[in-house]
Amino acid sequence: MSKQPETHEKELRAIMYALAESIAQASDEEILAEVREEGDNPEIAAEHIRSSLRDTAKVYQQQKLRAAQQQYDARIADMRHKEYALPTTPEARRTLLAAVFAQRPEMQMALVTAQYRDFTNLTDADVESQLKQLKELGVLDNLPTYGETKP
């Protein structure tokens, strides 16, 4: 295997280090003069550099957030395709959800927004989704099943 790409990378790195060292040793006046010689406005150039550094820092800081979002998305996708042993009728699912919230009121506060507290505005799909989430959390494991269930 050829060492040429590795050699080019080392050469490029050496050039970058030399440029960085040259800039680090230059005075502010020398840098400003060079920017003006290039026909650029130093204030605009400085703002562009600050903006680039802020953007780079933001991307770096959000790496963990993006990784967590990817894990969350994968988990949700898994939940959508997984089969759960839940009551088969919407009424039985609502009864089960009401029983869970009666026994574990903290779950209701965590899963259901204030406008849906009375369950009248929750769609059947919302109820089923809430039950799937509770099943994933293990909350349903300690409750008796209500009505017929499907695998």
N, C-alpha and C. Protein backbone atom coordinates (compact mmCIF):
# COMPACT_ATOMS: atom_id res chain seq x y z
N MET A 1 0.83 -1.17 0.00
CA MET A 1 0.00 0.00 0.00
C MET A 1 0.89 1.24 0.00
N SER A 2 0.50 2.23 -0.77
CA SER A 2 1.30 3.44 -0.93
C SER A 2 1.22 4.33 0.30
N LYS A 3 2.37 4.95 0.63
CA LYS A 3 2.45 5.87 1.76
C LYS A 3 2.19 7.31 1.30
N GLN A 4 1.89 7.50 0.02
CA GLN A 4 1.75 8.84 -0.52
C GLN A 4 0.67 9.67 0.20
N PRO A 5 -0.57 9.20 0.41
CA PRO A 5 -1.56 10.02 1.12
C PRO A 5 -1.11 10.39 2.53
N GLU A 6 -0.45 9.46 3.21
CA GLU A 6 0.04 9.75 4.55
C GLU A 6 1.11 10.84 4.50
N THR A 7 1.98 10.77 3.51
CA THR A 7 3.04 11.76 3.35
C THR A 7 2.44 13.13 3.05
N HIS A 8 1.44 13.18 2.17
CA HIS A 8 0.79 14.44 1.84
C HIS A 8 0.09 15.03 3.07
N GLU A 9 -0.51 14.19 3.87
CA GLU A 9 -1.18 14.66 5.07
C GLU A 9 -0.17 15.25 6.06
N LYS A 10 0.99 14.60 6.19
CA LYS A 10 2.04 15.13 7.07
C LYS A 10 2.54 16.48 6.56
N GLU A 11 2.73 16.59 5.25
CA GLU A 11 3.20 17.84 4.67
C GLU A 11 2.17 18.95 4.88
N LEU A 12 0.92 18.64 4.66
CA LEU A 12 -0.14 19.62 4.86
C LEU A 12 -0.21 20.06 6.33
N ARG A 13 -0.08 19.11 7.23
CA ARG A 13 -0.09 19.43 8.66
C ARG A 13 1.09 20.33 9.01
N ALA A 14 2.26 20.06 8.45
CA ALA A 14 3.44 20.88 8.70
C ALA A 14 3.22 22.30 8.19
N ILE A 15 2.61 22.44 7.03
CA ILE A 15 2.32 23.78 6.49
C ILE A 15 1.33 24.52 7.41
N MET A 16 0.31 23.83 7.85
CA MET A 16 -0.69 24.45 8.73
C MET A 16 -0.06 24.89 10.04
N TYR A 17 0.79 24.07 10.62
CA TYR A 17 1.48 24.44 11.85
C TYR A 17 2.39 25.66 11.62
N ALA A 18 3.08 25.69 10.48
CA ALA A 18 3.96 26.82 10.17
C ALA A 18 3.15 28.10 10.01
N LEU A 19 2.00 28.00 9.34
CA LEU A 19 1.13 29.17 9.20
C LEU A 19 0.63 29.66 10.55
N ALA A 20 0.20 28.72 11.37
CA ALA A 20 -0.28 29.08 12.70
C ALA A 20 0.82 29.75 13.52
N GLU A 21 2.01 29.22 13.44
CA GLU A 21 3.14 29.78 14.18
C GLU A 21 3.48 31.17 13.65
N SER A 22 3.43 31.34 12.34
CA SER A 22 3.71 32.64 11.73
C SER A 22 2.70 33.69 12.20
N ILE A 23 1.46 33.31 12.25
CA ILE A 23 0.42 34.24 12.71
C ILE A 23 0.58 34.52 14.19
N ALA A 24 0.91 33.51 14.98
CA ALA A 24 1.08 33.70 16.42
C ALA A 24 2.23 34.65 16.72
N GLN A 25 3.26 34.65 15.89
CA GLN A 25 4.43 35.50 16.13
C GLN A 25 4.26 36.90 15.55
N ALA A 26 3.30 37.10 14.66
CA ALA A 26 3.11 38.41 14.03
C ALA A 26 2.44 39.37 15.01
N SER A 27 2.77 40.63 14.88
CA SER A 27 2.14 41.65 15.72
C SER A 27 0.75 41.98 15.15
N ASP A 28 -0.06 42.62 15.98
CA ASP A 28 -1.39 43.02 15.53
C ASP A 28 -1.31 43.94 14.32
N GLU A 29 -0.34 44.86 14.35
CA GLU A 29 -0.19 45.81 13.25
C GLU A 29 0.16 45.08 11.95
N GLU A 30 1.02 44.08 12.04
CA GLU A 30 1.40 43.32 10.83
C GLU A 30 0.19 42.58 10.26
N ILE A 31 -0.60 42.02 11.14
CA ILE A 31 -1.79 41.27 10.67
C ILE A 31 -2.78 42.22 10.04
N LEU A 32 -3.04 43.38 10.68
CA LEU A 32 -3.98 44.36 10.13
C LEU A 32 -3.48 44.86 8.77
N ALA A 33 -2.19 45.12 8.66
CA ALA A 33 -1.62 45.59 7.39
C ALA A 33 -1.79 44.55 6.30
N GLU A 34 -1.57 43.30 6.65
CA GLU A 34 -1.72 42.23 5.65
C GLU A 34 -3.17 42.10 5.20
N VAL A 35 -4.10 42.20 6.13
CA VAL A 35 -5.52 42.12 5.77
C VAL A 35 -5.90 43.27 4.83
N ARG A 36 -5.42 44.47 5.17
CA ARG A 36 -5.73 45.64 4.32
C ARG A 36 -5.08 45.50 2.94
N GLU A 37 -3.87 44.96 2.89
CA GLU A 37 -3.19 44.73 1.60
C GLU A 37 -3.98 43.79 0.71
N GLU A 38 -4.67 42.86 1.35
CA GLU A 38 -5.50 41.91 0.59
C GLU A 38 -6.79 42.56 0.11
N GLY A 39 -7.05 43.79 0.60
CA GLY A 39 -8.26 44.49 0.18
C GLY A 39 -9.46 44.19 1.06
N ASP A 40 -9.22 43.59 2.22
CA ASP A 40 -10.32 43.25 3.12
C ASP A 40 -10.44 44.28 4.24
N ASN A 41 -11.63 44.38 4.79
CA ASN A 41 -11.89 45.22 5.95
C ASN A 41 -11.58 44.39 7.20
N PRO A 42 -10.67 44.83 8.05
CA PRO A 42 -10.30 44.03 9.23
C PRO A 42 -11.48 43.72 10.17
N GLU A 43 -12.39 44.68 10.33
CA GLU A 43 -13.54 44.45 11.21
C GLU A 43 -14.45 43.34 10.65
N ILE A 44 -14.68 43.40 9.35
CA ILE A 44 -15.52 42.38 8.71
C ILE A 44 -14.83 41.01 8.77
N ALA A 45 -13.53 41.00 8.51
CA ALA A 45 -12.76 39.75 8.56
C ALA A 45 -12.78 39.18 9.98
N ALA A 46 -12.62 40.05 10.97
CA ALA A 46 -12.63 39.60 12.37
C ALA A 46 -14.00 39.03 12.74
N GLU A 47 -15.07 39.69 12.31
CA GLU A 47 -16.41 39.19 12.61
C GLU A 47 -16.66 37.85 11.92
N HIS A 48 -16.14 37.71 10.72
CA HIS A 48 -16.30 36.43 10.00
C HIS A 48 -15.59 35.30 10.77
N ILE A 49 -14.40 35.59 11.26
CA ILE A 49 -13.64 34.59 12.03
C ILE A 49 -14.37 34.25 13.33
N ARG A 50 -14.85 35.31 14.04
CA ARG A 50 -15.60 35.06 15.29
C ARG A 50 -16.84 34.21 15.02
N SER A 51 -17.54 34.53 13.94
CA SER A 51 -18.74 33.78 13.58
C SER A 51 -18.39 32.31 13.28
N SER A 52 -17.31 32.10 12.55
CA SER A 52 -16.87 30.73 12.25
C SER A 52 -16.51 29.97 13.52
N LEU A 53 -15.82 30.62 14.42
CA LEU A 53 -15.44 29.97 15.69
C LEU A 53 -16.68 29.66 16.53
N ARG A 54 -17.65 30.59 16.57
CA ARG A 54 -18.90 30.34 17.32
C ARG A 54 -19.65 29.15 16.73
N ASP A 55 -19.74 29.13 15.39
CA ASP A 55 -20.44 28.03 14.72
C ASP A 55 -19.77 26.69 15.01
N THR A 56 -18.45 26.68 14.95
CA THR A 56 -17.70 25.45 15.21
C THR A 56 -17.89 25.00 16.66
N ALA A 57 -17.84 25.94 17.59
CA ALA A 57 -18.04 25.61 19.00
C ALA A 57 -19.45 25.07 19.23
N LYS A 58 -20.43 25.66 18.57
CA LYS A 58 -21.81 25.21 18.71
C LYS A 58 -21.98 23.78 18.19
N VAL A 59 -21.40 23.51 17.04
CA VAL A 59 -21.47 22.15 16.48
C VAL A 59 -20.83 21.15 17.44
N TYR A 60 -19.69 21.52 17.99
CA TYR A 60 -19.00 20.63 18.93
C TYR A 60 -19.85 20.41 20.19
N GLN A 61 -20.41 21.48 20.73
CA GLN A 61 -21.19 21.38 21.96
C GLN A 61 -22.46 20.56 21.75
N GLN A 62 -22.97 20.54 20.55
CA GLN A 62 -24.23 19.84 20.29
C GLN A 62 -24.04 18.39 19.85
N GLN A 63 -22.81 17.89 19.87
CA GLN A 63 -22.56 16.51 19.47
C GLN A 63 -23.35 15.53 20.34
N LYS A 64 -23.30 15.72 21.65
CA LYS A 64 -24.02 14.82 22.55
C LYS A 64 -25.52 14.94 22.36
N LEU A 65 -25.99 16.16 22.12
CA LEU A 65 -27.41 16.36 21.88
C LEU A 65 -27.86 15.62 20.62
N ARG A 66 -27.08 15.72 19.56
CA ARG A 66 -27.43 15.02 18.32
C ARG A 66 -27.40 13.50 18.52
N ALA A 67 -26.42 13.02 19.26
CA ALA A 67 -26.34 11.58 19.53
C ALA A 67 -27.54 11.12 20.34
N ALA A 68 -27.93 11.91 21.33
CA ALA A 68 -29.10 11.57 22.14
C ALA A 68 -30.37 11.59 21.29
N GLN A 69 -30.48 12.55 20.38
CA GLN A 69 -31.64 12.63 19.50
C GLN A 69 -31.70 11.40 18.59
N GLN A 70 -30.56 10.96 18.10
CA GLN A 70 -30.53 9.78 17.25
C GLN A 70 -30.95 8.54 18.04
N GLN A 71 -30.49 8.42 19.27
CA GLN A 71 -30.89 7.29 20.11
C GLN A 71 -32.39 7.33 20.38
N TYR A 72 -32.90 8.52 20.67
CA TYR A 72 -34.33 8.69 20.92
C TYR A 72 -35.13 8.29 19.69
N ASP A 73 -34.73 8.79 18.52
CA ASP A 73 -35.43 8.47 17.28
C ASP A 73 -35.42 6.97 17.02
N ALA A 74 -34.30 6.32 17.26
CA ALA A 74 -34.20 4.87 17.06
C ALA A 74 -35.13 4.14 18.03
N ARG A 75 -35.17 4.60 19.27
CA ARG A 75 -36.03 3.97 20.28
C ARG A 75 -37.51 4.12 19.91
N ILE A 76 -37.89 5.31 19.45
CA ILE A 76 -39.28 5.55 19.04
C ILE A 76 -39.62 4.68 17.83
N ALA A 77 -38.72 4.58 16.88
CA ALA A 77 -38.96 3.74 15.69
C ALA A 77 -39.13 2.28 16.12
N ASP A 78 -38.31 1.84 17.07
CA ASP A 78 -38.42 0.48 17.59
C ASP A 78 -39.78 0.26 18.26
N MET A 79 -40.22 1.25 19.03
CA MET A 79 -41.51 1.14 19.71
C MET A 79 -42.67 1.05 18.71
N ARG A 80 -42.56 1.77 17.60
CA ARG A 80 -43.64 1.78 16.60
C ARG A 80 -43.79 0.41 15.94
N HIS A 81 -42.71 -0.33 15.83
CA HIS A 81 -42.75 -1.62 15.14
C HIS A 81 -42.89 -2.81 16.09
N LYS A 82 -42.78 -2.56 17.37
CA LYS A 82 -42.84 -3.64 18.35
C LYS A 82 -44.30 -3.99 18.65
N GLU A 83 -44.53 -5.25 18.89
CA GLU A 83 -45.86 -5.70 19.27
C GLU A 83 -46.00 -5.67 20.78
N TYR A 84 -47.11 -5.15 21.26
CA TYR A 84 -47.37 -5.04 22.70
C TYR A 84 -48.64 -5.79 23.04
N ALA A 85 -48.66 -6.42 24.22
CA ALA A 85 -49.86 -7.09 24.71
C ALA A 85 -50.73 -6.05 25.38
N LEU A 86 -51.59 -5.42 24.59
CA LEU A 86 -52.49 -4.40 25.09
C LEU A 86 -53.93 -4.81 24.80
N PRO A 87 -54.87 -4.25 25.54
CA PRO A 87 -56.28 -4.54 25.23
C PRO A 87 -56.56 -4.21 23.77
N THR A 88 -57.45 -4.98 23.17
CA THR A 88 -57.70 -4.82 21.73
C THR A 88 -58.71 -3.73 21.41
N THR A 89 -59.56 -3.38 22.33
CA THR A 89 -60.56 -2.35 22.03
C THR A 89 -60.13 -1.00 22.60
N PRO A 90 -60.53 0.06 21.93
CA PRO A 90 -60.19 1.40 22.44
C PRO A 90 -60.73 1.64 23.86
N GLU A 91 -61.93 1.16 24.13
CA GLU A 91 -62.52 1.35 25.45
C GLU A 91 -61.70 0.65 26.53
N ALA A 92 -61.26 -0.57 26.24
CA ALA A 92 -60.47 -1.33 27.20
C ALA A 92 -59.10 -0.66 27.42
N ARG A 93 -58.54 -0.10 26.34
CA ARG A 93 -57.26 0.61 26.49
C ARG A 93 -57.43 1.86 27.35
N ARG A 94 -58.55 2.58 27.15
CA ARG A 94 -58.81 3.77 27.97
C ARG A 94 -58.99 3.37 29.44
N THR A 95 -59.68 2.26 29.66
CA THR A 95 -59.88 1.77 31.03
C THR A 95 -58.54 1.43 31.67
N LEU A 96 -57.67 0.77 30.93
CA LEU A 96 -56.35 0.42 31.45
C LEU A 96 -55.55 1.68 31.76
N LEU A 97 -55.56 2.65 30.85
CA LEU A 97 -54.81 3.88 31.08
C LEU A 97 -55.35 4.62 32.30
N ALA A 98 -56.66 4.66 32.46
CA ALA A 98 -57.25 5.31 33.63
C ALA A 98 -56.84 4.59 34.91
N ALA A 99 -56.78 3.25 34.86
CA ALA A 99 -56.37 2.48 36.03
C ALA A 99 -54.90 2.76 36.39
N VAL A 100 -54.07 2.86 35.38
CA VAL A 100 -52.65 3.17 35.62
C VAL A 100 -52.54 4.53 36.30
N PHE A 101 -53.25 5.51 35.77
CA PHE A 101 -53.16 6.86 36.32
C PHE A 101 -53.79 6.95 37.71
N ALA A 102 -54.78 6.10 37.99
CA ALA A 102 -55.36 6.08 39.33
C ALA A 102 -54.35 5.52 40.34
N GLN A 103 -53.61 4.48 39.92
CA GLN A 103 -52.63 3.86 40.81
C GLN A 103 -51.32 4.64 40.85
N ARG A 104 -50.97 5.28 39.76
CA ARG A 104 -49.68 6.01 39.66
C ARG A 104 -49.93 7.41 39.11
N PRO A 105 -50.48 8.32 39.91
CA PRO A 105 -50.82 9.65 39.42
C PRO A 105 -49.63 10.42 38.84
N GLU A 106 -48.44 10.12 39.31
CA GLU A 106 -47.26 10.81 38.78
C GLU A 106 -47.05 10.50 37.30
N MET A 107 -47.52 9.35 36.85
CA MET A 107 -47.40 8.99 35.44
C MET A 107 -48.29 9.89 34.58
N GLN A 108 -49.46 10.23 35.10
CA GLN A 108 -50.35 11.11 34.35
C GLN A 108 -49.70 12.48 34.17
N MET A 109 -49.09 13.00 35.22
CA MET A 109 -48.44 14.31 35.11
C MET A 109 -47.28 14.25 34.13
N ALA A 110 -46.61 13.12 34.05
CA ALA A 110 -45.45 13.00 33.18
C ALA A 110 -45.83 12.81 31.71
N LEU A 111 -46.97 12.16 31.45
CA LEU A 111 -47.30 11.78 30.08
C LEU A 111 -48.41 12.61 29.42
N VAL A 112 -49.30 13.14 30.19
CA VAL A 112 -50.47 13.78 29.61
C VAL A 112 -50.49 15.25 29.96
N THR A 113 -50.66 16.09 28.95
CA THR A 113 -50.71 17.53 29.20
C THR A 113 -52.03 17.91 29.85
N ALA A 114 -52.08 19.08 30.44
CA ALA A 114 -53.25 19.53 31.21
C ALA A 114 -54.54 19.50 30.39
N GLN A 115 -54.49 19.84 29.12
CA GLN A 115 -55.71 19.90 28.32
C GLN A 115 -56.33 18.52 28.09
N TYR A 116 -55.57 17.46 28.32
CA TYR A 116 -56.09 16.12 28.09
C TYR A 116 -56.32 15.34 29.39
N ARG A 117 -56.29 15.99 30.53
CA ARG A 117 -56.38 15.31 31.82
C ARG A 117 -57.68 14.50 31.97
N ASP A 118 -58.75 14.94 31.33
CA ASP A 118 -60.02 14.22 31.49
C ASP A 118 -60.20 13.10 30.45
N PHE A 119 -59.22 12.90 29.60
CA PHE A 119 -59.19 11.84 28.58
C PHE A 119 -60.20 12.02 27.45
N THR A 120 -61.04 13.04 27.49
CA THR A 120 -62.04 13.19 26.44
C THR A 120 -61.43 13.62 25.12
N ASN A 121 -60.33 14.34 25.17
CA ASN A 121 -59.70 14.82 23.94
C ASN A 121 -58.59 13.92 23.44
N LEU A 122 -58.23 12.90 24.20
CA LEU A 122 -57.19 11.98 23.75
C LEU A 122 -57.77 11.07 22.67
N THR A 123 -57.05 10.98 21.55
CA THR A 123 -57.50 10.06 20.51
C THR A 123 -57.16 8.63 20.91
N ASP A 124 -57.75 7.68 20.24
CA ASP A 124 -57.45 6.27 20.52
C ASP A 124 -55.95 6.01 20.28
N ALA A 125 -55.40 6.64 19.25
CA ALA A 125 -53.97 6.47 18.96
C ALA A 125 -53.12 7.05 20.09
N ASP A 126 -53.56 8.19 20.66
CA ASP A 126 -52.83 8.79 21.78
C ASP A 126 -52.84 7.85 22.98
N VAL A 127 -54.01 7.26 23.26
CA VAL A 127 -54.12 6.33 24.39
C VAL A 127 -53.21 5.14 24.18
N GLU A 128 -53.24 4.58 22.98
CA GLU A 128 -52.39 3.42 22.68
C GLU A 128 -50.92 3.78 22.80
N SER A 129 -50.54 4.96 22.32
CA SER A 129 -49.15 5.41 22.42
C SER A 129 -48.73 5.56 23.89
N GLN A 130 -49.61 6.12 24.71
CA GLN A 130 -49.31 6.28 26.13
C GLN A 130 -49.10 4.91 26.79
N LEU A 131 -49.95 3.95 26.44
CA LEU A 131 -49.83 2.61 27.01
C LEU A 131 -48.52 1.94 26.57
N LYS A 132 -48.14 2.14 25.32
CA LYS A 132 -46.87 1.56 24.84
C LYS A 132 -45.69 2.15 25.61
N GLN A 133 -45.74 3.45 25.83
CA GLN A 133 -44.67 4.09 26.59
C GLN A 133 -44.62 3.56 28.01
N LEU A 134 -45.78 3.39 28.62
CA LEU A 134 -45.84 2.85 29.98
C LEU A 134 -45.33 1.42 30.02
N LYS A 135 -45.63 0.65 28.98
CA LYS A 135 -45.14 -0.73 28.89
C LYS A 135 -43.62 -0.73 28.79
N GLU A 136 -43.06 0.18 27.96
CA GLU A 136 -41.60 0.27 27.83
C GLU A 136 -40.95 0.64 29.16
N LEU A 137 -41.64 1.46 29.94
CA LEU A 137 -41.10 1.88 31.24
C LEU A 137 -41.28 0.81 32.31
N GLY A 138 -42.04 -0.25 32.00
CA GLY A 138 -42.26 -1.32 32.96
C GLY A 138 -43.42 -1.06 33.90
N VAL A 139 -44.15 0.02 33.71
CA VAL A 139 -45.25 0.37 34.60
C VAL A 139 -46.39 -0.64 34.48
N LEU A 140 -46.66 -1.13 33.29
CA LEU A 140 -47.77 -2.06 33.09
C LEU A 140 -47.47 -3.47 33.59
N ASP A 141 -46.20 -3.76 33.84
CA ASP A 141 -45.82 -5.10 34.26
C ASP A 141 -46.41 -5.47 35.62
N ASN A 142 -46.71 -4.48 36.44
CA ASN A 142 -47.22 -4.74 37.79
C ASN A 142 -48.73 -4.59 37.88
N LEU A 143 -49.39 -4.40 36.75
CA LEU A 143 -50.84 -4.22 36.76
C LEU A 143 -51.53 -5.41 36.10
N PRO A 144 -52.75 -5.73 36.54
CA PRO A 144 -53.50 -6.78 35.85
C PRO A 144 -53.91 -6.26 34.47
N THR A 145 -54.01 -7.17 33.51
CA THR A 145 -54.46 -6.76 32.19
C THR A 145 -55.97 -6.63 32.20
N TYR A 146 -56.47 -5.76 31.36
CA TYR A 146 -57.91 -5.49 31.28
C TYR A 146 -58.40 -5.91 29.91
N GLY A 147 -59.45 -6.69 29.86
CA GLY A 147 -60.04 -7.09 28.57
C GLY A 147 -59.10 -7.97 27.79
N GLU A 148 -59.45 -8.13 26.53
CA GLU A 148 -58.63 -8.96 25.63
C GLU A 148 -57.34 -8.25 25.32
N THR A 149 -56.30 -9.03 25.09
CA THR A 149 -55.02 -8.46 24.68
C THR A 149 -54.57 -9.11 23.40
N LYS A 150 -53.74 -8.40 22.69
CA LYS A 150 -53.14 -8.97 21.47
C LYS A 150 -51.64 -9.07 21.70
N PRO A 151 -50.99 -10.05 21.09
CA PRO A 151 -49.55 -10.23 21.32
C PRO A 151 -48.73 -9.05 20.84
